[in-house]
Amino acid sequence: TDDTYVVEPEGEQRFTVVAYDMGIKTNTPRNFVQRGIRTIVVPANTPYEDIMRHNPDGVFVSNGPGDPATADEMVAVVREVLANKIPFFGICFGNQLLGRALGFGTYKLPFGHRGINQPVMDKTTGKVEITAQNHGFAVDAPLDGPVQAPVEEFGRVEVSHVGLNDNVVEGIRCLDIPAFSVQYHPEAAAGPHDAAYLFDRFIELMTATEHQTAKEV
């Protein structure tokens, strides 16, 4: 998008999320609004100061094309979000940007992951999901964690999801700040829908952060 637009929630509003459109799918705001999230979709590279005018409870960065190593402006935005401990959720390109914001590298896969039958293990639960994927780059992070983020202020990080075909990083979870991301597409409209729970996990993260903030006040 060239301009900011708002997708209003269905039913009672629970949270407000700013969603960066790096090539966003229509089904992403749909998943948010079905869960009572007012979704403010903004253009790529919108400055951090601009999104804070919306007083978001969380920030989302979508899928999209391109080499994450060339996306320095968005990496800087993500670092601002992380530094201010605003709940963060990224999908696909958003996963690569979170990885780079934490200080990990990214690389081009010899064979991209394309299609709807990609097996991924959620290491936090041990469950295997059948996922939709469409990416040619991946995050270079240790599979055996937790590890200290290369940008040390962001604390400990672990690889939360792994591709079972080739052990590629398919998700990252921060342990000391409220942020996580996945490389695949839980929002794929045609399915599979095994990973739709990730939108609920984002709501849990925002709820926990809201409660923590209330305690501190």
N, C-alpha and C. Protein backbone atom coordinates (compact mmCIF):
# COMPACT_ATOMS: atom_id res chain seq x y z
N THR A 1 0.83 -1.19 0.00
CA THR A 1 0.00 0.00 0.00
C THR A 1 0.87 1.25 0.00
N ASP A 2 0.37 2.30 -0.63
CA ASP A 2 1.04 3.60 -0.58
C ASP A 2 0.51 4.45 0.56
N ASP A 3 -0.65 4.08 1.07
CA ASP A 3 -1.31 4.88 2.11
C ASP A 3 -1.78 3.99 3.25
N THR A 4 -1.80 4.57 4.43
CA THR A 4 -2.30 3.85 5.60
C THR A 4 -3.81 3.63 5.49
N TYR A 5 -4.25 2.45 5.88
CA TYR A 5 -5.70 2.19 5.95
C TYR A 5 -5.98 1.34 7.19
N VAL A 6 -7.24 1.34 7.61
CA VAL A 6 -7.64 0.68 8.84
C VAL A 6 -8.67 -0.39 8.54
N VAL A 7 -8.49 -1.57 9.15
CA VAL A 7 -9.48 -2.63 9.08
C VAL A 7 -10.05 -2.80 10.49
N GLU A 8 -11.33 -2.49 10.64
CA GLU A 8 -11.95 -2.50 11.96
C GLU A 8 -12.25 -3.92 12.41
N PRO A 9 -12.22 -4.14 13.74
CA PRO A 9 -12.43 -5.51 14.26
C PRO A 9 -13.88 -5.94 14.17
N GLU A 10 -14.06 -7.24 14.18
CA GLU A 10 -15.40 -7.80 14.29
C GLU A 10 -15.73 -7.93 15.77
N GLY A 11 -16.84 -7.40 16.18
CA GLY A 11 -17.21 -7.46 17.59
C GLY A 11 -16.41 -6.49 18.43
N GLU A 12 -16.23 -6.84 19.69
CA GLU A 12 -15.55 -5.95 20.64
C GLU A 12 -14.06 -5.86 20.34
N GLN A 13 -13.53 -4.63 20.36
CA GLN A 13 -12.10 -4.44 20.10
C GLN A 13 -11.29 -4.84 21.32
N ARG A 14 -10.28 -5.65 21.07
CA ARG A 14 -9.41 -6.10 22.16
C ARG A 14 -8.07 -5.37 22.14
N PHE A 15 -7.50 -5.22 20.93
CA PHE A 15 -6.20 -4.59 20.80
C PHE A 15 -6.14 -3.81 19.49
N THR A 16 -5.11 -2.95 19.39
CA THR A 16 -4.78 -2.27 18.14
C THR A 16 -3.40 -2.72 17.70
N VAL A 17 -3.30 -3.15 16.45
CA VAL A 17 -2.02 -3.61 15.90
C VAL A 17 -1.69 -2.78 14.67
N VAL A 18 -0.45 -2.32 14.59
CA VAL A 18 0.07 -1.73 13.36
C VAL A 18 0.71 -2.84 12.54
N ALA A 19 0.26 -2.98 11.30
CA ALA A 19 0.76 -4.04 10.41
C ALA A 19 1.52 -3.40 9.25
N TYR A 20 2.80 -3.71 9.14
CA TYR A 20 3.60 -3.22 8.02
C TYR A 20 3.31 -4.06 6.79
N ASP A 21 2.97 -3.38 5.71
CA ASP A 21 2.66 -4.05 4.44
C ASP A 21 3.93 -4.17 3.61
N MET A 22 4.58 -5.34 3.71
CA MET A 22 5.75 -5.63 2.88
C MET A 22 5.33 -6.42 1.63
N GLY A 23 4.01 -6.66 1.53
CA GLY A 23 3.44 -7.51 0.50
C GLY A 23 2.34 -8.34 1.15
N ILE A 24 1.61 -7.70 2.06
CA ILE A 24 0.68 -8.39 2.96
C ILE A 24 -0.45 -9.08 2.20
N LYS A 25 -0.87 -10.22 2.73
CA LYS A 25 -2.02 -10.92 2.17
C LYS A 25 -3.29 -10.41 2.85
N THR A 26 -4.38 -10.36 2.09
CA THR A 26 -5.65 -9.90 2.63
C THR A 26 -6.08 -10.73 3.83
N ASN A 27 -5.67 -11.98 3.86
CA ASN A 27 -6.11 -12.86 4.94
C ASN A 27 -5.45 -12.53 6.27
N THR A 28 -4.37 -11.75 6.26
CA THR A 28 -3.74 -11.40 7.53
C THR A 28 -4.62 -10.45 8.34
N PRO A 29 -5.02 -9.29 7.81
CA PRO A 29 -5.97 -8.47 8.57
C PRO A 29 -7.25 -9.22 8.91
N ARG A 30 -7.68 -10.11 8.02
CA ARG A 30 -8.90 -10.89 8.30
C ARG A 30 -8.71 -11.75 9.56
N ASN A 31 -7.55 -12.38 9.68
CA ASN A 31 -7.28 -13.17 10.89
C ASN A 31 -7.24 -12.30 12.13
N PHE A 32 -6.70 -11.10 11.99
CA PHE A 32 -6.65 -10.19 13.14
C PHE A 32 -8.05 -9.71 13.54
N VAL A 33 -8.82 -9.22 12.57
CA VAL A 33 -10.11 -8.62 12.92
C VAL A 33 -11.08 -9.67 13.46
N GLN A 34 -10.95 -10.92 13.00
CA GLN A 34 -11.79 -11.98 13.54
C GLN A 34 -11.52 -12.21 15.03
N ARG A 35 -10.35 -11.78 15.48
CA ARG A 35 -9.97 -11.94 16.88
C ARG A 35 -10.10 -10.64 17.67
N GLY A 36 -10.83 -9.67 17.11
CA GLY A 36 -11.08 -8.43 17.82
C GLY A 36 -9.94 -7.43 17.80
N ILE A 37 -9.09 -7.51 16.77
CA ILE A 37 -7.93 -6.61 16.67
C ILE A 37 -8.18 -5.56 15.60
N ARG A 38 -8.13 -4.31 16.00
CA ARG A 38 -8.17 -3.20 15.04
C ARG A 38 -6.82 -3.14 14.35
N THR A 39 -6.80 -3.26 13.03
CA THR A 39 -5.56 -3.41 12.28
C THR A 39 -5.30 -2.17 11.44
N ILE A 40 -4.20 -1.49 11.73
CA ILE A 40 -3.80 -0.30 10.99
C ILE A 40 -2.65 -0.70 10.07
N VAL A 41 -2.94 -0.79 8.78
CA VAL A 41 -1.95 -1.24 7.81
C VAL A 41 -1.18 -0.03 7.28
N VAL A 42 0.14 -0.07 7.39
CA VAL A 42 0.97 1.07 7.01
C VAL A 42 1.97 0.65 5.92
N PRO A 43 2.43 1.61 5.11
CA PRO A 43 3.41 1.29 4.07
C PRO A 43 4.74 0.84 4.66
N ALA A 44 5.48 0.06 3.88
CA ALA A 44 6.84 -0.32 4.26
C ALA A 44 7.67 0.93 4.54
N ASN A 45 8.58 0.80 5.50
CA ASN A 45 9.51 1.87 5.87
C ASN A 45 8.84 3.06 6.55
N THR A 46 7.58 2.92 6.99
CA THR A 46 6.98 3.98 7.81
C THR A 46 7.80 4.13 9.08
N PRO A 47 8.23 5.36 9.41
CA PRO A 47 9.10 5.54 10.58
C PRO A 47 8.43 5.10 11.88
N TYR A 48 9.24 4.69 12.82
CA TYR A 48 8.75 4.25 14.12
C TYR A 48 7.92 5.34 14.79
N GLU A 49 8.38 6.57 14.70
CA GLU A 49 7.66 7.67 15.35
C GLU A 49 6.25 7.81 14.80
N ASP A 50 6.07 7.52 13.51
CA ASP A 50 4.74 7.64 12.89
C ASP A 50 3.80 6.55 13.39
N ILE A 51 4.29 5.33 13.54
CA ILE A 51 3.39 4.27 13.98
C ILE A 51 3.01 4.45 15.44
N MET A 52 3.86 5.09 16.23
CA MET A 52 3.55 5.27 17.64
C MET A 52 2.41 6.25 17.86
N ARG A 53 2.10 7.06 16.84
CA ARG A 53 0.95 7.95 16.95
C ARG A 53 -0.36 7.17 17.04
N HIS A 54 -0.33 5.91 16.61
CA HIS A 54 -1.52 5.07 16.68
C HIS A 54 -1.63 4.34 18.03
N ASN A 55 -0.63 4.52 18.88
CA ASN A 55 -0.61 3.87 20.20
C ASN A 55 -0.87 2.36 20.09
N PRO A 56 -0.07 1.65 19.33
CA PRO A 56 -0.35 0.23 19.09
C PRO A 56 -0.05 -0.64 20.31
N ASP A 57 -0.84 -1.70 20.44
CA ASP A 57 -0.55 -2.73 21.45
C ASP A 57 0.45 -3.74 20.92
N GLY A 58 0.59 -3.80 19.60
CA GLY A 58 1.53 -4.72 18.99
C GLY A 58 1.88 -4.25 17.59
N VAL A 59 2.99 -4.77 17.08
CA VAL A 59 3.44 -4.45 15.72
C VAL A 59 3.65 -5.75 14.96
N PHE A 60 3.14 -5.78 13.74
CA PHE A 60 3.25 -6.94 12.88
C PHE A 60 3.98 -6.54 11.60
N VAL A 61 4.89 -7.41 11.13
CA VAL A 61 5.56 -7.20 9.84
C VAL A 61 5.24 -8.39 8.95
N SER A 62 4.73 -8.10 7.76
CA SER A 62 4.18 -9.13 6.88
C SER A 62 5.24 -9.82 6.03
N ASN A 63 4.75 -10.76 5.27
CA ASN A 63 5.51 -11.39 4.20
C ASN A 63 5.76 -10.38 3.08
N GLY A 64 6.65 -10.74 2.18
CA GLY A 64 6.92 -9.88 1.02
C GLY A 64 8.18 -10.33 0.32
N PRO A 65 8.41 -9.85 -0.88
CA PRO A 65 9.57 -10.27 -1.66
C PRO A 65 10.83 -9.49 -1.28
N GLY A 66 11.96 -10.00 -1.72
CA GLY A 66 13.20 -9.24 -1.59
C GLY A 66 14.24 -9.89 -0.69
N ASP A 67 15.44 -9.35 -0.78
CA ASP A 67 16.58 -9.80 0.02
C ASP A 67 16.56 -9.03 1.34
N PRO A 68 16.42 -9.72 2.49
CA PRO A 68 16.37 -9.00 3.77
C PRO A 68 17.64 -8.22 4.08
N ALA A 69 18.76 -8.59 3.45
CA ALA A 69 20.02 -7.88 3.70
C ALA A 69 19.99 -6.46 3.13
N THR A 70 19.00 -6.16 2.29
CA THR A 70 18.89 -4.81 1.70
C THR A 70 17.85 -3.96 2.41
N ALA A 71 17.23 -4.49 3.46
CA ALA A 71 16.09 -3.81 4.10
C ALA A 71 16.51 -3.12 5.40
N ASP A 72 17.55 -2.30 5.33
CA ASP A 72 18.10 -1.69 6.54
C ASP A 72 17.10 -0.77 7.24
N GLU A 73 16.25 -0.07 6.48
CA GLU A 73 15.29 0.83 7.11
C GLU A 73 14.31 0.07 7.97
N MET A 74 13.82 -1.04 7.47
CA MET A 74 12.86 -1.82 8.25
C MET A 74 13.54 -2.54 9.42
N VAL A 75 14.77 -2.96 9.25
CA VAL A 75 15.50 -3.57 10.37
C VAL A 75 15.64 -2.55 11.50
N ALA A 76 15.92 -1.30 11.15
CA ALA A 76 16.03 -0.25 12.16
C ALA A 76 14.70 -0.03 12.88
N VAL A 77 13.60 -0.08 12.13
CA VAL A 77 12.27 0.06 12.75
C VAL A 77 12.02 -1.08 13.73
N VAL A 78 12.31 -2.30 13.30
CA VAL A 78 12.08 -3.46 14.17
C VAL A 78 12.92 -3.34 15.44
N ARG A 79 14.14 -2.85 15.32
CA ARG A 79 14.97 -2.69 16.52
C ARG A 79 14.36 -1.68 17.49
N GLU A 80 13.76 -0.63 16.97
CA GLU A 80 13.07 0.35 17.83
C GLU A 80 11.91 -0.33 18.56
N VAL A 81 11.15 -1.13 17.83
CA VAL A 81 10.02 -1.84 18.44
C VAL A 81 10.51 -2.76 19.55
N LEU A 82 11.57 -3.51 19.27
CA LEU A 82 12.10 -4.45 20.26
C LEU A 82 12.66 -3.70 21.47
N ALA A 83 13.37 -2.62 21.24
CA ALA A 83 13.99 -1.87 22.33
C ALA A 83 12.93 -1.30 23.27
N ASN A 84 11.76 -0.98 22.73
CA ASN A 84 10.69 -0.42 23.55
C ASN A 84 9.71 -1.49 24.03
N LYS A 85 10.05 -2.75 23.79
CA LYS A 85 9.31 -3.90 24.31
C LYS A 85 7.83 -3.89 23.91
N ILE A 86 7.59 -3.48 22.66
CA ILE A 86 6.24 -3.57 22.09
C ILE A 86 6.10 -4.96 21.49
N PRO A 87 5.04 -5.70 21.81
CA PRO A 87 4.89 -7.04 21.26
C PRO A 87 5.00 -7.05 19.74
N PHE A 88 5.79 -8.00 19.23
CA PHE A 88 6.12 -8.07 17.80
C PHE A 88 5.82 -9.45 17.27
N PHE A 89 5.23 -9.50 16.07
CA PHE A 89 4.97 -10.75 15.36
C PHE A 89 5.33 -10.54 13.90
N GLY A 90 6.13 -11.44 13.35
CA GLY A 90 6.52 -11.35 11.95
C GLY A 90 6.24 -12.64 11.20
N ILE A 91 5.89 -12.51 9.94
CA ILE A 91 5.67 -13.65 9.06
C ILE A 91 6.58 -13.53 7.84
N CYS A 92 7.29 -14.61 7.49
CA CYS A 92 8.08 -14.71 6.26
C CYS A 92 9.16 -13.63 6.20
N PHE A 93 8.97 -12.58 5.41
CA PHE A 93 9.96 -11.49 5.38
C PHE A 93 10.09 -10.88 6.77
N GLY A 94 8.97 -10.83 7.49
CA GLY A 94 9.00 -10.32 8.86
C GLY A 94 9.87 -11.16 9.77
N ASN A 95 9.94 -12.47 9.53
CA ASN A 95 10.82 -13.34 10.29
C ASN A 95 12.29 -13.02 9.99
N GLN A 96 12.58 -12.81 8.72
CA GLN A 96 13.96 -12.49 8.34
C GLN A 96 14.38 -11.13 8.91
N LEU A 97 13.46 -10.18 8.95
CA LEU A 97 13.78 -8.86 9.50
C LEU A 97 13.99 -8.93 11.01
N LEU A 98 13.19 -9.75 11.71
CA LEU A 98 13.43 -9.93 13.14
C LEU A 98 14.81 -10.55 13.35
N GLY A 99 15.14 -11.57 12.55
CA GLY A 99 16.46 -12.18 12.68
C GLY A 99 17.58 -11.18 12.52
N ARG A 100 17.49 -10.35 11.51
CA ARG A 100 18.54 -9.35 11.28
C ARG A 100 18.53 -8.28 12.38
N ALA A 101 17.36 -7.91 12.87
CA ALA A 101 17.28 -6.93 13.95
C ALA A 101 17.97 -7.45 15.21
N LEU A 102 17.88 -8.76 15.43
CA LEU A 102 18.53 -9.37 16.59
C LEU A 102 20.04 -9.55 16.39
N GLY A 103 20.50 -9.36 15.15
CA GLY A 103 21.92 -9.45 14.86
C GLY A 103 22.34 -10.70 14.12
N PHE A 104 21.38 -11.58 13.79
CA PHE A 104 21.72 -12.77 13.01
C PHE A 104 21.83 -12.41 11.53
N GLY A 105 22.49 -13.27 10.77
CA GLY A 105 22.59 -13.07 9.34
C GLY A 105 21.43 -13.76 8.61
N THR A 106 21.33 -13.49 7.32
CA THR A 106 20.40 -14.19 6.45
C THR A 106 21.16 -14.65 5.22
N TYR A 107 20.62 -15.63 4.53
CA TYR A 107 21.31 -16.17 3.36
C TYR A 107 20.29 -16.67 2.35
N LYS A 108 20.74 -16.79 1.11
CA LYS A 108 19.87 -17.29 0.05
C LYS A 108 19.93 -18.82 0.01
N LEU A 109 18.77 -19.44 0.04
CA LEU A 109 18.70 -20.90 -0.01
C LEU A 109 19.10 -21.42 -1.39
N PRO A 110 19.77 -22.57 -1.45
CA PRO A 110 20.08 -23.15 -2.77
C PRO A 110 18.81 -23.52 -3.54
N PHE A 111 17.79 -23.93 -2.78
CA PHE A 111 16.47 -24.19 -3.36
C PHE A 111 15.44 -23.55 -2.45
N GLY A 112 14.64 -22.65 -2.99
CA GLY A 112 13.63 -22.00 -2.17
C GLY A 112 12.57 -22.98 -1.71
N HIS A 113 11.86 -22.60 -0.67
CA HIS A 113 10.75 -23.40 -0.16
C HIS A 113 9.46 -22.89 -0.78
N ARG A 114 8.83 -23.70 -1.59
CA ARG A 114 7.60 -23.29 -2.29
C ARG A 114 6.56 -24.39 -2.14
N GLY A 115 5.33 -23.99 -1.87
CA GLY A 115 4.26 -24.97 -1.86
C GLY A 115 3.59 -25.13 -0.51
N ILE A 116 2.60 -26.04 -0.47
CA ILE A 116 1.70 -26.12 0.68
C ILE A 116 1.90 -27.36 1.53
N ASN A 117 2.95 -28.12 1.30
CA ASN A 117 3.12 -29.36 2.07
C ASN A 117 4.49 -29.42 2.74
N GLN A 118 4.87 -28.33 3.42
CA GLN A 118 6.17 -28.24 4.05
C GLN A 118 6.04 -28.58 5.54
N PRO A 119 6.68 -29.66 6.01
CA PRO A 119 6.57 -30.04 7.42
C PRO A 119 7.50 -29.20 8.31
N VAL A 120 6.93 -28.67 9.37
CA VAL A 120 7.67 -27.83 10.31
C VAL A 120 7.37 -28.29 11.73
N MET A 121 8.41 -28.39 12.56
CA MET A 121 8.20 -28.73 13.96
C MET A 121 8.21 -27.47 14.82
N ASP A 122 7.18 -27.33 15.63
CA ASP A 122 7.15 -26.29 16.66
C ASP A 122 7.90 -26.85 17.86
N LYS A 123 9.12 -26.36 18.09
CA LYS A 123 9.96 -26.91 19.14
C LYS A 123 9.41 -26.62 20.53
N THR A 124 8.53 -25.63 20.64
CA THR A 124 7.96 -25.30 21.95
C THR A 124 6.90 -26.31 22.37
N THR A 125 6.31 -27.03 21.42
CA THR A 125 5.27 -28.00 21.73
C THR A 125 5.61 -29.41 21.27
N GLY A 126 6.55 -29.54 20.34
CA GLY A 126 6.88 -30.84 19.76
C GLY A 126 5.95 -31.26 18.65
N LYS A 127 4.96 -30.43 18.32
CA LYS A 127 4.00 -30.78 17.28
C LYS A 127 4.57 -30.46 15.89
N VAL A 128 4.16 -31.26 14.91
CA VAL A 128 4.56 -31.03 13.53
C VAL A 128 3.37 -30.42 12.78
N GLU A 129 3.63 -29.33 12.07
CA GLU A 129 2.60 -28.66 11.28
C GLU A 129 2.91 -28.84 9.80
N ILE A 130 1.87 -28.97 9.01
CA ILE A 130 2.03 -28.91 7.56
C ILE A 130 1.75 -27.47 7.16
N THR A 131 2.72 -26.84 6.51
CA THR A 131 2.67 -25.40 6.29
C THR A 131 2.76 -25.04 4.81
N ALA A 132 2.32 -23.82 4.53
CA ALA A 132 2.51 -23.21 3.21
C ALA A 132 3.74 -22.31 3.28
N GLN A 133 4.60 -22.39 2.29
CA GLN A 133 5.83 -21.58 2.28
C GLN A 133 6.09 -21.02 0.89
N ASN A 134 6.79 -19.88 0.88
CA ASN A 134 7.17 -19.26 -0.39
C ASN A 134 8.31 -18.28 -0.13
N HIS A 135 9.49 -18.84 0.10
CA HIS A 135 10.63 -17.95 0.42
C HIS A 135 11.93 -18.52 -0.15
N GLY A 136 12.83 -17.60 -0.47
CA GLY A 136 14.12 -17.98 -1.02
C GLY A 136 15.29 -17.64 -0.11
N PHE A 137 14.99 -16.95 1.02
CA PHE A 137 16.02 -16.57 1.99
C PHE A 137 15.65 -17.15 3.35
N ALA A 138 16.64 -17.28 4.21
CA ALA A 138 16.41 -17.84 5.55
C ALA A 138 17.33 -17.16 6.56
N VAL A 139 16.97 -17.29 7.83
CA VAL A 139 17.76 -16.74 8.93
C VAL A 139 18.84 -17.74 9.32
N ASP A 140 20.03 -17.24 9.57
CA ASP A 140 21.16 -18.07 10.00
C ASP A 140 21.30 -17.93 11.51
N ALA A 141 20.68 -18.84 12.25
CA ALA A 141 20.72 -18.81 13.71
C ALA A 141 20.92 -20.23 14.23
N PRO A 142 21.54 -20.39 15.41
CA PRO A 142 21.78 -21.74 15.95
C PRO A 142 20.48 -22.47 16.27
N LEU A 143 20.38 -23.72 15.85
CA LEU A 143 19.17 -24.50 16.11
C LEU A 143 19.07 -24.93 17.56
N ASP A 144 20.22 -25.06 18.22
CA ASP A 144 20.24 -25.47 19.63
C ASP A 144 20.34 -24.24 20.50
N GLY A 145 19.26 -23.90 21.13
CA GLY A 145 19.22 -22.70 21.96
C GLY A 145 18.74 -23.05 23.35
N PRO A 146 18.49 -22.01 24.14
CA PRO A 146 18.57 -20.58 23.81
C PRO A 146 20.01 -20.10 23.67
N VAL A 147 20.15 -18.98 22.93
CA VAL A 147 21.44 -18.33 22.78
C VAL A 147 21.26 -16.84 23.03
N GLN A 148 22.37 -16.18 23.34
CA GLN A 148 22.34 -14.73 23.47
C GLN A 148 22.22 -14.10 22.09
N ALA A 149 21.29 -13.16 21.93
CA ALA A 149 21.19 -12.45 20.65
C ALA A 149 22.50 -11.72 20.37
N PRO A 150 22.97 -11.71 19.12
CA PRO A 150 24.18 -10.96 18.80
C PRO A 150 24.07 -9.49 19.20
N VAL A 151 22.88 -8.89 19.07
CA VAL A 151 22.65 -7.56 19.64
C VAL A 151 22.22 -7.80 21.08
N GLU A 152 23.15 -7.67 22.02
CA GLU A 152 22.98 -8.21 23.36
C GLU A 152 21.83 -7.60 24.15
N GLU A 153 21.46 -6.36 23.84
CA GLU A 153 20.39 -5.73 24.61
C GLU A 153 19.06 -6.47 24.48
N PHE A 154 18.92 -7.32 23.47
CA PHE A 154 17.66 -8.01 23.25
C PHE A 154 17.59 -9.36 23.97
N GLY A 155 18.66 -9.72 24.69
CA GLY A 155 18.61 -10.89 25.55
C GLY A 155 18.68 -12.22 24.82
N ARG A 156 18.00 -13.20 25.39
CA ARG A 156 18.09 -14.58 24.88
C ARG A 156 17.06 -14.83 23.78
N VAL A 157 17.48 -15.67 22.84
CA VAL A 157 16.65 -16.01 21.69
C VAL A 157 16.77 -17.51 21.44
N GLU A 158 15.67 -18.10 20.94
CA GLU A 158 15.76 -19.50 20.53
C GLU A 158 15.05 -19.69 19.20
N VAL A 159 15.54 -20.66 18.45
CA VAL A 159 14.83 -21.08 17.24
C VAL A 159 13.63 -21.88 17.70
N SER A 160 12.44 -21.39 17.38
CA SER A 160 11.20 -22.02 17.86
C SER A 160 10.63 -23.03 16.88
N HIS A 161 10.93 -22.89 15.59
CA HIS A 161 10.38 -23.77 14.56
C HIS A 161 11.49 -24.16 13.59
N VAL A 162 11.48 -25.42 13.17
CA VAL A 162 12.51 -25.94 12.26
C VAL A 162 11.83 -26.70 11.12
N GLY A 163 12.31 -26.46 9.89
CA GLY A 163 11.82 -27.21 8.73
C GLY A 163 12.38 -28.62 8.75
N LEU A 164 11.53 -29.61 8.68
CA LEU A 164 11.97 -30.99 8.82
C LEU A 164 12.59 -31.56 7.55
N ASN A 165 12.42 -30.88 6.41
CA ASN A 165 13.05 -31.36 5.18
C ASN A 165 14.54 -31.07 5.15
N ASP A 166 14.93 -29.92 5.70
CA ASP A 166 16.34 -29.51 5.55
C ASP A 166 16.90 -28.75 6.75
N ASN A 167 16.17 -28.75 7.89
CA ASN A 167 16.63 -28.10 9.12
C ASN A 167 16.84 -26.60 8.98
N VAL A 168 16.09 -25.97 8.10
CA VAL A 168 16.14 -24.52 7.98
C VAL A 168 15.34 -23.88 9.12
N VAL A 169 15.84 -22.75 9.60
CA VAL A 169 15.13 -22.01 10.65
C VAL A 169 13.77 -21.56 10.11
N GLU A 170 12.70 -21.94 10.81
CA GLU A 170 11.35 -21.59 10.39
C GLU A 170 10.63 -20.73 11.43
N GLY A 171 11.32 -20.35 12.49
CA GLY A 171 10.70 -19.48 13.48
C GLY A 171 11.70 -19.10 14.55
N ILE A 172 11.49 -17.91 15.13
CA ILE A 172 12.36 -17.38 16.18
C ILE A 172 11.48 -16.89 17.33
N ARG A 173 11.95 -17.11 18.55
CA ARG A 173 11.22 -16.61 19.72
C ARG A 173 12.20 -15.93 20.66
N CYS A 174 11.89 -14.71 21.06
CA CYS A 174 12.69 -14.00 22.04
C CYS A 174 12.20 -14.38 23.44
N LEU A 175 13.11 -14.56 24.36
CA LEU A 175 12.76 -15.01 25.70
C LEU A 175 12.73 -13.88 26.72
N ASP A 176 13.36 -12.76 26.42
CA ASP A 176 13.42 -11.66 27.38
C ASP A 176 12.66 -10.42 26.94
N ILE A 177 12.17 -10.43 25.72
CA ILE A 177 11.32 -9.36 25.19
C ILE A 177 10.17 -10.01 24.44
N PRO A 178 9.03 -9.31 24.28
CA PRO A 178 7.85 -9.93 23.66
C PRO A 178 7.90 -9.91 22.13
N ALA A 179 8.56 -10.89 21.55
CA ALA A 179 8.69 -10.91 20.09
C ALA A 179 8.86 -12.34 19.60
N PHE A 180 8.20 -12.65 18.47
CA PHE A 180 8.39 -13.94 17.82
C PHE A 180 8.02 -13.80 16.35
N SER A 181 8.42 -14.80 15.56
CA SER A 181 8.13 -14.76 14.12
C SER A 181 8.24 -16.16 13.56
N VAL A 182 7.63 -16.34 12.38
CA VAL A 182 7.74 -17.61 11.67
C VAL A 182 8.04 -17.33 10.20
N GLN A 183 8.69 -18.29 9.56
CA GLN A 183 9.09 -18.12 8.17
C GLN A 183 8.00 -18.52 7.19
N TYR A 184 7.06 -19.31 7.64
CA TYR A 184 6.03 -19.83 6.74
C TYR A 184 4.76 -18.98 6.84
N HIS A 185 3.64 -19.49 6.30
CA HIS A 185 2.44 -18.67 6.15
C HIS A 185 1.24 -19.24 6.90
N PRO A 186 1.08 -18.87 8.17
CA PRO A 186 -0.12 -19.32 8.90
C PRO A 186 -1.40 -18.70 8.36
N GLU A 187 -1.26 -17.62 7.58
CA GLU A 187 -2.42 -16.91 7.07
C GLU A 187 -2.84 -17.39 5.68
N ALA A 188 -2.21 -18.45 5.17
CA ALA A 188 -2.52 -18.93 3.82
C ALA A 188 -4.02 -19.25 3.72
N ALA A 189 -4.73 -18.52 2.88
CA ALA A 189 -6.19 -18.62 2.82
C ALA A 189 -6.65 -20.02 2.40
N ALA A 190 -5.93 -20.61 1.47
CA ALA A 190 -6.32 -21.93 0.97
C ALA A 190 -5.90 -23.06 1.91
N GLY A 191 -5.08 -22.72 2.89
CA GLY A 191 -4.58 -23.72 3.81
C GLY A 191 -3.21 -24.22 3.38
N PRO A 192 -2.64 -25.14 4.16
CA PRO A 192 -3.20 -25.70 5.39
C PRO A 192 -3.30 -24.66 6.51
N HIS A 193 -4.16 -24.94 7.50
CA HIS A 193 -4.41 -23.99 8.58
C HIS A 193 -3.86 -24.49 9.92
N ASP A 194 -2.89 -25.39 9.85
CA ASP A 194 -2.32 -25.95 11.07
C ASP A 194 -1.73 -24.89 12.00
N ALA A 195 -1.26 -23.79 11.44
CA ALA A 195 -0.54 -22.79 12.23
C ALA A 195 -1.35 -21.55 12.54
N ALA A 196 -2.67 -21.62 12.38
CA ALA A 196 -3.51 -20.45 12.67
C ALA A 196 -3.41 -20.04 14.13
N TYR A 197 -3.00 -20.98 15.00
CA TYR A 197 -2.86 -20.67 16.42
C TYR A 197 -1.86 -19.54 16.69
N LEU A 198 -0.98 -19.27 15.74
CA LEU A 198 0.03 -18.23 15.96
C LEU A 198 -0.59 -16.86 16.15
N PHE A 199 -1.73 -16.62 15.52
CA PHE A 199 -2.42 -15.34 15.74
C PHE A 199 -2.91 -15.26 17.18
N ASP A 200 -3.35 -16.39 17.73
CA ASP A 200 -3.76 -16.42 19.14
C ASP A 200 -2.55 -16.26 20.06
N ARG A 201 -1.41 -16.80 19.65
CA ARG A 201 -0.19 -16.65 20.45
C ARG A 201 0.22 -15.18 20.52
N PHE A 202 0.00 -14.44 19.42
CA PHE A 202 0.30 -13.01 19.42
C PHE A 202 -0.63 -12.27 20.40
N ILE A 203 -1.90 -12.65 20.43
CA ILE A 203 -2.84 -12.05 21.38
C ILE A 203 -2.41 -12.36 22.81
N GLU A 204 -1.97 -13.58 23.07
CA GLU A 204 -1.49 -13.94 24.41
C GLU A 204 -0.29 -13.07 24.80
N LEU A 205 0.58 -12.80 23.83
CA LEU A 205 1.76 -11.98 24.09
C LEU A 205 1.34 -10.55 24.44
N MET A 206 0.39 -10.00 23.69
CA MET A 206 -0.08 -8.64 23.97
C MET A 206 -0.81 -8.58 25.32
N THR A 207 -1.56 -9.62 25.64
CA THR A 207 -2.28 -9.66 26.92
C THR A 207 -1.29 -9.71 28.08
N ALA A 208 -0.26 -10.55 27.96
CA ALA A 208 0.73 -10.66 29.02
C ALA A 208 1.49 -9.34 29.20
N THR A 209 1.80 -8.69 28.08
CA THR A 209 2.51 -7.41 28.16
C THR A 209 1.63 -6.35 28.79
N GLU A 210 0.34 -6.35 28.45
CA GLU A 210 -0.61 -5.40 29.03
C GLU A 210 -0.69 -5.57 30.54
N HIS A 211 -0.74 -6.81 31.01
CA HIS A 211 -0.82 -7.09 32.44
C HIS A 211 0.46 -6.67 33.14
N GLN A 212 1.60 -6.92 32.51
CA GLN A 212 2.88 -6.55 33.09
C GLN A 212 3.00 -5.04 33.21
N THR A 213 2.55 -4.33 32.17
CA THR A 213 2.60 -2.87 32.20
C THR A 213 1.70 -2.32 33.31
N ALA A 214 0.53 -2.93 33.49
CA ALA A 214 -0.40 -2.49 34.52
C ALA A 214 0.22 -2.68 35.91
N LYS A 215 0.95 -3.78 36.11
CA LYS A 215 1.61 -4.02 37.39
C LYS A 215 2.68 -2.97 37.67
N GLU A 216 3.44 -2.64 36.61
CA GLU A 216 4.51 -1.66 36.79
C GLU A 216 3.98 -0.28 37.11
N VAL A 217 2.82 0.07 36.53
CA VAL A 217 2.20 1.36 36.81
C VAL A 217 1.66 1.39 38.23
